[in-house]
All heavy atoms as atom14 arrays in JSON, in Angstrom:
{
  "sequence": "AHENLALAARLNGVDPAQVADAVDSTITDLALDRYARVAARRL",
  "atom14_mask": [
    [1, 1, 1, 1, 1, 0, 0, 0, 0, 0, 0, 0, 0, 0],
    [1, 1, 1, 1, 1, 1, 1, 1, 1, 1, 0, 0, 0, 0],
    [1, 1, 1, 1, 1, 1, 1, 1, 1, 0, 0, 0, 0, 0],
    [1, 1, 1, 1, 1, 1, 1, 1, 0, 0, 0, 0, 0, 0],
    [1, 1, 1, 1, 1, 1, 1, 1, 0, 0, 0, 0, 0, 0],
    [1, 1, 1, 1, 1, 0, 0, 0, 0, 0, 0, 0, 0, 0],
    [1, 1, 1, 1, 1, 1, 1, 1, 0, 0, 0, 0, 0, 0],
    [1, 1, 1, 1, 1, 0, 0, 0, 0, 0, 0, 0, 0, 0],
    [1, 1, 1, 1, 1, 0, 0, 0, 0, 0, 0, 0, 0, 0],
    [1, 1, 1, 1, 1, 1, 1, 1, 1, 1, 1, 0, 0, 0],
    [1, 1, 1, 1, 1, 1, 1, 1, 0, 0, 0, 0, 0, 0],
    [1, 1, 1, 1, 1, 1, 1, 1, 0, 0, 0, 0, 0, 0],
    [1, 1, 1, 1, 0, 0, 0, 0, 0, 0, 0, 0, 0, 0],
    [1, 1, 1, 1, 1, 1, 1, 0, 0, 0, 0, 0, 0, 0],
    [1, 1, 1, 1, 1, 1, 1, 1, 0, 0, 0, 0, 0, 0],
    [1, 1, 1, 1, 1, 1, 1, 0, 0, 0, 0, 0, 0, 0],
    [1, 1, 1, 1, 1, 0, 0, 0, 0, 0, 0, 0, 0, 0],
    [1, 1, 1, 1, 1, 1, 1, 1, 1, 0, 0, 0, 0, 0],
    [1, 1, 1, 1, 1, 1, 1, 0, 0, 0, 0, 0, 0, 0],
    [1, 1, 1, 1, 1, 0, 0, 0, 0, 0, 0, 0, 0, 0],
    [1, 1, 1, 1, 1, 1, 1, 1, 0, 0, 0, 0, 0, 0],
    [1, 1, 1, 1, 1, 0, 0, 0, 0, 0, 0, 0, 0, 0],
    [1, 1, 1, 1, 1, 1, 1, 0, 0, 0, 0, 0, 0, 0],
    [1, 1, 1, 1, 1, 1, 1, 1, 0, 0, 0, 0, 0, 0],
    [1, 1, 1, 1, 1, 1, 0, 0, 0, 0, 0, 0, 0, 0],
    [1, 1, 1, 1, 1, 1, 1, 0, 0, 0, 0, 0, 0, 0],
    [1, 1, 1, 1, 1, 1, 1, 1, 0, 0, 0, 0, 0, 0],
    [1, 1, 1, 1, 1, 1, 1, 0, 0, 0, 0, 0, 0, 0],
    [1, 1, 1, 1, 1, 1, 1, 1, 0, 0, 0, 0, 0, 0],
    [1, 1, 1, 1, 1, 1, 1, 1, 0, 0, 0, 0, 0, 0],
    [1, 1, 1, 1, 1, 0, 0, 0, 0, 0, 0, 0, 0, 0],
    [1, 1, 1, 1, 1, 1, 1, 1, 0, 0, 0, 0, 0, 0],
    [1, 1, 1, 1, 1, 1, 1, 1, 0, 0, 0, 0, 0, 0],
    [1, 1, 1, 1, 1, 1, 1, 1, 1, 1, 1, 0, 0, 0],
    [1, 1, 1, 1, 1, 1, 1, 1, 1, 1, 1, 1, 0, 0],
    [1, 1, 1, 1, 1, 0, 0, 0, 0, 0, 0, 0, 0, 0],
    [1, 1, 1, 1, 1, 1, 1, 1, 1, 1, 1, 0, 0, 0],
    [1, 1, 1, 1, 1, 1, 1, 0, 0, 0, 0, 0, 0, 0],
    [1, 1, 1, 1, 1, 0, 0, 0, 0, 0, 0, 0, 0, 0],
    [1, 1, 1, 1, 1, 0, 0, 0, 0, 0, 0, 0, 0, 0],
    [1, 1, 1, 1, 1, 1, 1, 1, 1, 1, 1, 0, 0, 0],
    [1, 1, 1, 1, 1, 1, 1, 1, 1, 1, 1, 0, 0, 0],
    [1, 1, 1, 1, 1, 1, 1, 1, 0, 0, 0, 0, 0, 0]
  ],
  "atom14_positions": [
    [[0.87, -1.21, -0.01], [0.01, -0.01, -0.01], [0.9, 1.25, -0.02], [0.65, 2.22, -0.76], [-0.91, -0.03, 1.2], [0.0, 0.0, 0.0], [0.0, 0.0, 0.0], [0.0, 0.0, 0.0], [0.0, 0.0, 0.0], [0.0, 0.0, 0.0], [0.0, 0.0, 0.0], [0.0, 0.0, 0.0], [0.0, 0.0, 0.0], [0.0, 0.0, 0.0]],
    [[1.89, 1.22, 0.85], [2.79, 2.4, 0.87], [3.51, 2.65, -0.47], [3.61, 3.78, -0.93], [3.81, 2.25, 2.02], [4.63, 3.45, 2.35], [5.65, 3.87, 1.57], [4.51, 4.29, 3.35], [6.22, 4.98, 2.13], [5.46, 5.25, 3.23], [0.0, 0.0, 0.0], [0.0, 0.0, 0.0], [0.0, 0.0, 0.0], [0.0, 0.0, 0.0]],
    [[3.99, 1.59, -1.06], [4.67, 1.72, -2.35], [3.69, 2.18, -3.43], [4.1, 3.05, -4.28], [5.28, 0.36, -2.77], [6.49, -0.05, -1.9], [6.88, -1.46, -2.1], [6.04, -2.27, -2.58], [8.04, -1.82, -1.75], [0.0, 0.0, 0.0], [0.0, 0.0, 0.0], [0.0, 0.0, 0.0], [0.0, 0.0, 0.0], [0.0, 0.0, 0.0]],
    [[2.48, 1.75, -3.44], [1.48, 2.19, -4.43], [1.22, 3.71, -4.24], [1.19, 4.45, -5.24], [0.17, 1.41, -4.23], [0.1, 0.19, -5.16], [-0.14, 0.31, -6.35], [0.22, -0.97, -4.55], [0.0, 0.0, 0.0], [0.0, 0.0, 0.0], [0.0, 0.0, 0.0], [0.0, 0.0, 0.0], [0.0, 0.0, 0.0], [0.0, 0.0, 0.0]],
    [[1.09, 4.11, -3.0], [0.86, 5.58, -2.8], [2.02, 6.43, -3.13], [1.87, 7.52, -3.68], [0.38, 5.8, -1.28], [-0.96, 5.23, -0.95], [-1.25, 5.34, 0.48], [-2.05, 5.86, -1.74], [0.0, 0.0, 0.0], [0.0, 0.0, 0.0], [0.0, 0.0, 0.0], [0.0, 0.0, 0.0], [0.0, 0.0, 0.0], [0.0, 0.0, 0.0]],
    [[3.23, 5.96, -2.84], [4.46, 6.73, -3.17], [4.5, 6.89, -4.69], [4.87, 7.95, -5.19], [5.69, 6.03, -2.64], [0.0, 0.0, 0.0], [0.0, 0.0, 0.0], [0.0, 0.0, 0.0], [0.0, 0.0, 0.0], [0.0, 0.0, 0.0], [0.0, 0.0, 0.0], [0.0, 0.0, 0.0], [0.0, 0.0, 0.0], [0.0, 0.0, 0.0]],
    [[4.25, 5.8, -5.43], [4.25, 5.9, -6.88], [3.22, 6.83, -7.4], [3.47, 7.69, -8.31], [4.05, 4.46, -7.46], [4.03, 4.39, -8.97], [5.3, 4.92, -9.61], [3.75, 2.93, -9.42], [0.0, 0.0, 0.0], [0.0, 0.0, 0.0], [0.0, 0.0, 0.0], [0.0, 0.0, 0.0], [0.0, 0.0, 0.0], [0.0, 0.0, 0.0]],
    [[1.97, 6.75, -6.83], [0.87, 7.64, -7.25], [1.2, 9.14, -6.96], [0.97, 9.99, -7.78], [-0.39, 7.31, -6.54], [0.0, 0.0, 0.0], [0.0, 0.0, 0.0], [0.0, 0.0, 0.0], [0.0, 0.0, 0.0], [0.0, 0.0, 0.0], [0.0, 0.0, 0.0], [0.0, 0.0, 0.0], [0.0, 0.0, 0.0], [0.0, 0.0, 0.0]],
    [[1.87, 9.35, -5.86], [2.28, 10.71, -5.5], [3.28, 11.31, -6.49], [3.17, 12.39, -6.97], [2.9, 10.72, -4.1], [0.0, 0.0, 0.0], [0.0, 0.0, 0.0], [0.0, 0.0, 0.0], [0.0, 0.0, 0.0], [0.0, 0.0, 0.0], [0.0, 0.0, 0.0], [0.0, 0.0, 0.0], [0.0, 0.0, 0.0], [0.0, 0.0, 0.0]],
    [[4.26, 10.46, -6.91], [5.19, 10.96, -7.9], [4.49, 11.17, -9.26], [4.81, 12.17, -9.9], [6.33, 9.9, -8.04], [7.19, 9.76, -6.86], [8.4, 8.88, -7.12], [9.31, 8.79, -5.92], [9.23, 7.86, -5.01], [8.33, 6.92, -5.07], [10.03, 7.93, -3.98], [0.0, 0.0, 0.0], [0.0, 0.0, 0.0], [0.0, 0.0, 0.0]],
    [[3.62, 10.28, -9.67], [2.94, 10.48, -10.9], [2.1, 11.73, -10.95], [1.85, 12.33, -11.97], [2.05, 9.26, -11.27], [2.85, 7.96, -11.54], [1.89, 6.76, -11.67], [3.59, 8.13, -12.89], [0.0, 0.0, 0.0], [0.0, 0.0, 0.0], [0.0, 0.0, 0.0], [0.0, 0.0, 0.0], [0.0, 0.0, 0.0], [0.0, 0.0, 0.0]],
    [[1.58, 12.1, -9.75], [0.73, 13.3, -9.59], [1.57, 14.52, -9.32], [0.96, 15.61, -8.93], [-0.32, 13.07, -8.56], [-1.46, 12.15, -9.0], [-1.87, 12.24, -10.16], [-1.87, 11.25, -8.18], [0.0, 0.0, 0.0], [0.0, 0.0, 0.0], [0.0, 0.0, 0.0], [0.0, 0.0, 0.0], [0.0, 0.0, 0.0], [0.0, 0.0, 0.0]],
    [[2.8, 14.48, -9.44], [3.67, 15.67, -9.4], [3.96, 16.18, -7.96], [4.42, 17.27, -7.8], [0.0, 0.0, 0.0], [0.0, 0.0, 0.0], [0.0, 0.0, 0.0], [0.0, 0.0, 0.0], [0.0, 0.0, 0.0], [0.0, 0.0, 0.0], [0.0, 0.0, 0.0], [0.0, 0.0, 0.0], [0.0, 0.0, 0.0], [0.0, 0.0, 0.0]],
    [[3.81, 15.35, -6.98], [4.23, 15.78, -5.65], [5.79, 15.86, -5.63], [6.5, 15.04, -6.2], [3.76, 14.74, -4.6], [4.29, 15.01, -3.23], [2.27, 14.6, -4.6], [0.0, 0.0, 0.0], [0.0, 0.0, 0.0], [0.0, 0.0, 0.0], [0.0, 0.0, 0.0], [0.0, 0.0, 0.0], [0.0, 0.0, 0.0], [0.0, 0.0, 0.0]],
    [[6.23, 17.02, -4.96], [7.65, 17.19, -4.77], [8.24, 16.0, -4.16], [7.79, 15.45, -3.11], [7.86, 18.38, -3.89], [9.3, 18.84, -3.73], [10.18, 17.97, -3.8], [9.53, 20.03, -3.56], [0.0, 0.0, 0.0], [0.0, 0.0, 0.0], [0.0, 0.0, 0.0], [0.0, 0.0, 0.0], [0.0, 0.0, 0.0], [0.0, 0.0, 0.0]],
    [[9.35, 15.43, -4.78], [10.0, 14.21, -4.27], [10.35, 14.36, -2.79], [10.26, 13.33, -2.04], [11.24, 14.08, -5.11], [10.87, 14.69, -6.4], [9.98, 15.84, -6.1], [0.0, 0.0, 0.0], [0.0, 0.0, 0.0], [0.0, 0.0, 0.0], [0.0, 0.0, 0.0], [0.0, 0.0, 0.0], [0.0, 0.0, 0.0], [0.0, 0.0, 0.0]],
    [[10.67, 15.5, -2.32], [11.06, 15.71, -0.97], [9.84, 15.63, -0.01], [10.0, 15.49, 1.19], [11.74, 17.04, -0.75], [0.0, 0.0, 0.0], [0.0, 0.0, 0.0], [0.0, 0.0, 0.0], [0.0, 0.0, 0.0], [0.0, 0.0, 0.0], [0.0, 0.0, 0.0], [0.0, 0.0, 0.0], [0.0, 0.0, 0.0], [0.0, 0.0, 0.0]],
    [[8.56, 15.71, -0.56], [7.45, 15.73, 0.21], [6.59, 14.46, 0.06], [5.52, 14.34, 0.68], [6.54, 16.95, -0.12], [7.26, 18.23, 0.14], [6.42, 19.45, -0.28], [5.34, 19.26, -0.86], [7.03, 20.64, -0.06], [0.0, 0.0, 0.0], [0.0, 0.0, 0.0], [0.0, 0.0, 0.0], [0.0, 0.0, 0.0], [0.0, 0.0, 0.0]],
    [[7.07, 13.55, -0.81], [6.29, 12.28, -1.09], [6.05, 11.52, 0.23], [4.91, 11.08, 0.5], [6.99, 11.41, -2.14], [6.44, 10.0, -2.13], [6.83, 12.06, -3.51], [0.0, 0.0, 0.0], [0.0, 0.0, 0.0], [0.0, 0.0, 0.0], [0.0, 0.0, 0.0], [0.0, 0.0, 0.0], [0.0, 0.0, 0.0], [0.0, 0.0, 0.0]],
    [[7.07, 11.31, 0.98], [6.96, 10.49, 2.18], [5.9, 11.04, 3.15], [5.04, 10.33, 3.71], [8.24, 10.3, 2.93], [0.0, 0.0, 0.0], [0.0, 0.0, 0.0], [0.0, 0.0, 0.0], [0.0, 0.0, 0.0], [0.0, 0.0, 0.0], [0.0, 0.0, 0.0], [0.0, 0.0, 0.0], [0.0, 0.0, 0.0], [0.0, 0.0, 0.0]],
    [[5.88, 12.35, 3.33], [4.95, 13.04, 4.2], [3.54, 12.95, 3.72], [2.59, 12.71, 4.44], [5.35, 14.51, 4.43], [6.54, 14.69, 5.31], [6.91, 13.76, 6.02], [7.12, 15.83, 5.26], [0.0, 0.0, 0.0], [0.0, 0.0, 0.0], [0.0, 0.0, 0.0], [0.0, 0.0, 0.0], [0.0, 0.0, 0.0], [0.0, 0.0, 0.0]],
    [[3.39, 13.12, 2.31], [2.04, 12.99, 1.77], [1.49, 11.61, 1.91], [0.32, 11.43, 2.21], [2.12, 13.36, 0.28], [0.0, 0.0, 0.0], [0.0, 0.0, 0.0], [0.0, 0.0, 0.0], [0.0, 0.0, 0.0], [0.0, 0.0, 0.0], [0.0, 0.0, 0.0], [0.0, 0.0, 0.0], [0.0, 0.0, 0.0], [0.0, 0.0, 0.0]],
    [[2.34, 10.62, 1.66], [1.85, 9.21, 1.83], [1.52, 8.88, 3.27], [0.4, 8.39, 3.53], [2.93, 8.23, 1.34], [2.57, 6.81, 1.67], [3.17, 8.41, -0.16], [0.0, 0.0, 0.0], [0.0, 0.0, 0.0], [0.0, 0.0, 0.0], [0.0, 0.0, 0.0], [0.0, 0.0, 0.0], [0.0, 0.0, 0.0], [0.0, 0.0, 0.0]],
    [[2.38, 9.25, 4.23], [2.07, 8.93, 5.6], [0.81, 9.65, 6.1], [0.11, 9.07, 6.85], [3.32, 9.4, 6.51], [4.51, 8.44, 6.21], [4.37, 7.34, 5.63], [5.67, 8.92, 6.62], [0.0, 0.0, 0.0], [0.0, 0.0, 0.0], [0.0, 0.0, 0.0], [0.0, 0.0, 0.0], [0.0, 0.0, 0.0], [0.0, 0.0, 0.0]],
    [[0.63, 10.86, 5.7], [-0.47, 11.65, 6.12], [-1.8, 10.98, 5.62], [-2.77, 10.85, 6.44], [-0.42, 13.11, 5.6], [-1.59, 13.83, 5.94], [0.0, 0.0, 0.0], [0.0, 0.0, 0.0], [0.0, 0.0, 0.0], [0.0, 0.0, 0.0], [0.0, 0.0, 0.0], [0.0, 0.0, 0.0], [0.0, 0.0, 0.0], [0.0, 0.0, 0.0]],
    [[-1.84, 10.61, 4.39], [-3.03, 10.01, 3.83], [-3.34, 8.58, 4.38], [-4.46, 8.2, 4.58], [-3.04, 9.96, 2.28], [-2.63, 11.23, 1.87], [-4.43, 9.68, 1.72], [0.0, 0.0, 0.0], [0.0, 0.0, 0.0], [0.0, 0.0, 0.0], [0.0, 0.0, 0.0], [0.0, 0.0, 0.0], [0.0, 0.0, 0.0], [0.0, 0.0, 0.0]],
    [[-2.23, 7.88, 4.64], [-2.45, 6.54, 5.25], [-3.09, 6.68, 6.6], [-3.98, 5.94, 6.95], [-1.06, 5.86, 5.37], [-0.63, 5.25, 4.0], [-1.01, 4.76, 6.43], [0.77, 4.58, 4.02], [0.0, 0.0, 0.0], [0.0, 0.0, 0.0], [0.0, 0.0, 0.0], [0.0, 0.0, 0.0], [0.0, 0.0, 0.0], [0.0, 0.0, 0.0]],
    [[-2.69, 7.72, 7.35], [-3.32, 8.01, 8.65], [-4.76, 8.44, 8.48], [-5.73, 8.03, 9.16], [-2.5, 9.09, 9.47], [-1.19, 8.56, 9.64], [-3.17, 9.36, 10.76], [0.0, 0.0, 0.0], [0.0, 0.0, 0.0], [0.0, 0.0, 0.0], [0.0, 0.0, 0.0], [0.0, 0.0, 0.0], [0.0, 0.0, 0.0], [0.0, 0.0, 0.0]],
    [[-5.02, 9.36, 7.48], [-6.33, 9.91, 7.26], [-7.35, 8.76, 6.99], [-8.52, 8.91, 7.4], [-6.34, 10.86, 6.07], [-5.68, 12.16, 6.36], [-5.64, 12.56, 7.54], [-5.25, 12.84, 5.39], [0.0, 0.0, 0.0], [0.0, 0.0, 0.0], [0.0, 0.0, 0.0], [0.0, 0.0, 0.0], [0.0, 0.0, 0.0], [0.0, 0.0, 0.0]],
    [[-6.93, 7.76, 6.26], [-7.89, 6.67, 5.94], [-7.58, 5.33, 6.67], [-8.05, 4.3, 6.29], [-7.81, 6.39, 4.38], [-8.46, 7.54, 3.58], [-8.22, 7.39, 2.1], [-9.94, 7.61, 3.88], [0.0, 0.0, 0.0], [0.0, 0.0, 0.0], [0.0, 0.0, 0.0], [0.0, 0.0, 0.0], [0.0, 0.0, 0.0], [0.0, 0.0, 0.0]],
    [[-6.86, 5.47, 7.76], [-6.62, 4.37, 8.72], [-6.1, 3.11, 8.02], [-6.58, 2.01, 8.19], [-7.92, 4.06, 9.44], [0.0, 0.0, 0.0], [0.0, 0.0, 0.0], [0.0, 0.0, 0.0], [0.0, 0.0, 0.0], [0.0, 0.0, 0.0], [0.0, 0.0, 0.0], [0.0, 0.0, 0.0], [0.0, 0.0, 0.0], [0.0, 0.0, 0.0]],
    [[-5.06, 3.42, 7.18], [-4.37, 2.25, 6.5], [-3.08, 1.86, 7.17], [-2.31, 1.13, 6.59], [-4.17, 2.6, 5.03], [-5.39, 2.58, 4.15], [-5.11, 3.24, 2.82], [-5.75, 1.1, 3.92], [0.0, 0.0, 0.0], [0.0, 0.0, 0.0], [0.0, 0.0, 0.0], [0.0, 0.0, 0.0], [0.0, 0.0, 0.0], [0.0, 0.0, 0.0]],
    [[-2.77, 2.44, 8.33], [-1.44, 2.32, 8.95], [-1.05, 0.78, 9.11], [0.1, 0.44, 8.75], [-1.5, 2.9, 10.34], [-2.0, 4.39, 10.33], [-3.16, 4.6, 10.14], [-1.08, 5.26, 10.52], [0.0, 0.0, 0.0], [0.0, 0.0, 0.0], [0.0, 0.0, 0.0], [0.0, 0.0, 0.0], [0.0, 0.0, 0.0], [0.0, 0.0, 0.0]],
    [[-1.98, -0.03, 9.54], [-1.61, -1.45, 9.72], [-1.41, -2.19, 8.49], [-0.91, -3.35, 8.49], [-2.67, -2.12, 10.65], [-3.98, -2.2, 10.05], [-5.03, -2.77, 11.01], [-4.76, -4.24, 11.24], [-5.61, -5.05, 11.88], [-6.73, -4.56, 12.35], [-5.31, -6.31, 12.05], [0.0, 0.0, 0.0], [0.0, 0.0, 0.0], [0.0, 0.0, 0.0]],
    [[-1.84, -1.61, 7.37], [-1.75, -2.32, 6.06], [-0.65, -1.64, 5.12], [-0.56, -2.03, 4.02], [-3.07, -2.3, 5.31], [-4.16, -2.87, 6.17], [-5.16, -1.96, 6.73], [-4.27, -4.24, 6.39], [-6.17, -2.59, 7.5], [-5.25, -4.76, 7.19], [-6.23, -3.85, 7.74], [-7.2, -4.38, 8.54], [0.0, 0.0, 0.0], [0.0, 0.0, 0.0]],
    [[0.09, -0.7, 5.69], [1.04, 0.09, 4.81], [2.05, -0.81, 4.15], [2.46, -0.58, 3.03], [1.7, 1.13, 5.66], [0.0, 0.0, 0.0], [0.0, 0.0, 0.0], [0.0, 0.0, 0.0], [0.0, 0.0, 0.0], [0.0, 0.0, 0.0], [0.0, 0.0, 0.0], [0.0, 0.0, 0.0], [0.0, 0.0, 0.0], [0.0, 0.0, 0.0]],
    [[2.5, -1.83, 4.87], [3.52, -2.74, 4.27], [2.99, -4.0, 3.76], [3.71, -5.03, 3.5], [4.59, -3.02, 5.38], [5.2, -1.79, 6.03], [5.88, -0.88, 5.0], [6.29, 0.32, 5.58], [6.9, 1.33, 4.92], [7.09, 1.21, 3.6], [7.26, 2.48, 5.52], [0.0, 0.0, 0.0], [0.0, 0.0, 0.0], [0.0, 0.0, 0.0]],
    [[1.68, -4.05, 3.54], [1.0, -5.26, 2.97], [0.83, -5.09, 1.53], [0.42, -4.06, 1.1], [-0.36, -5.47, 3.67], [-1.14, -6.65, 3.1], [-0.21, -5.67, 5.23], [0.0, 0.0, 0.0], [0.0, 0.0, 0.0], [0.0, 0.0, 0.0], [0.0, 0.0, 0.0], [0.0, 0.0, 0.0], [0.0, 0.0, 0.0], [0.0, 0.0, 0.0]],
    [[1.11, -6.17, 0.77], [0.89, -6.11, -0.7], [-0.61, -5.89, -1.03], [-1.49, -6.4, -0.32], [1.39, -7.44, -1.31], [0.0, 0.0, 0.0], [0.0, 0.0, 0.0], [0.0, 0.0, 0.0], [0.0, 0.0, 0.0], [0.0, 0.0, 0.0], [0.0, 0.0, 0.0], [0.0, 0.0, 0.0], [0.0, 0.0, 0.0], [0.0, 0.0, 0.0]],
    [[-0.81, -5.09, -2.05], [-2.24, -4.75, -2.4], [-3.05, -5.98, -2.69], [-4.26, -5.96, -2.44], [-2.23, -3.8, -3.6], [0.0, 0.0, 0.0], [0.0, 0.0, 0.0], [0.0, 0.0, 0.0], [0.0, 0.0, 0.0], [0.0, 0.0, 0.0], [0.0, 0.0, 0.0], [0.0, 0.0, 0.0], [0.0, 0.0, 0.0], [0.0, 0.0, 0.0]],
    [[-2.44, -7.03, -3.28], [-3.24, -8.23, -3.57], [-3.76, -8.87, -2.32], [-4.77, -9.68, -2.37], [-2.35, -9.2, -4.36], [-1.14, -9.72, -3.64], [-0.28, -10.66, -4.5], [1.01, -10.89, -3.96], [1.27, -11.79, -2.97], [0.18, -12.4, -2.4], [2.45, -11.91, -2.45], [0.0, 0.0, 0.0], [0.0, 0.0, 0.0], [0.0, 0.0, 0.0]],
    [[-3.21, -8.63, -1.19], [-3.64, -9.28, 0.1], [-4.64, -8.4, 0.86], [-5.18, -8.82, 1.87], [-2.46, -9.53, 1.01], [-1.4, -10.56, 0.43], [-0.26, -10.76, 1.34], [-0.72, -11.05, 2.73], [0.08, -10.96, 3.72], [1.35, -10.49, 3.63], [-0.33, -11.31, 4.96], [0.0, 0.0, 0.0], [0.0, 0.0, 0.0], [0.0, 0.0, 0.0]],
    [[-4.93, -7.22, 0.31], [-5.92, -6.32, 0.99], [-7.32, -6.78, 0.74], [-7.67, -7.33, -0.32], [-5.74, -4.88, 0.58], [-4.43, -4.23, 0.85], [-4.4, -2.84, 0.29], [-4.2, -4.13, 2.39], [0.0, 0.0, 0.0], [0.0, 0.0, 0.0], [0.0, 0.0, 0.0], [0.0, 0.0, 0.0], [0.0, 0.0, 0.0], [0.0, 0.0, 0.0]]
  ]
}
């Protein structure tokens, strides 16, 4: 999940220096914290 969001952030033009913060913030917003390191196929 984290890798998917990082890739989407880059594709959407997020500053590379801010990608990690953008991903972490949205993972928290939608309560995906416990699934951040889980492969999307297992969600």
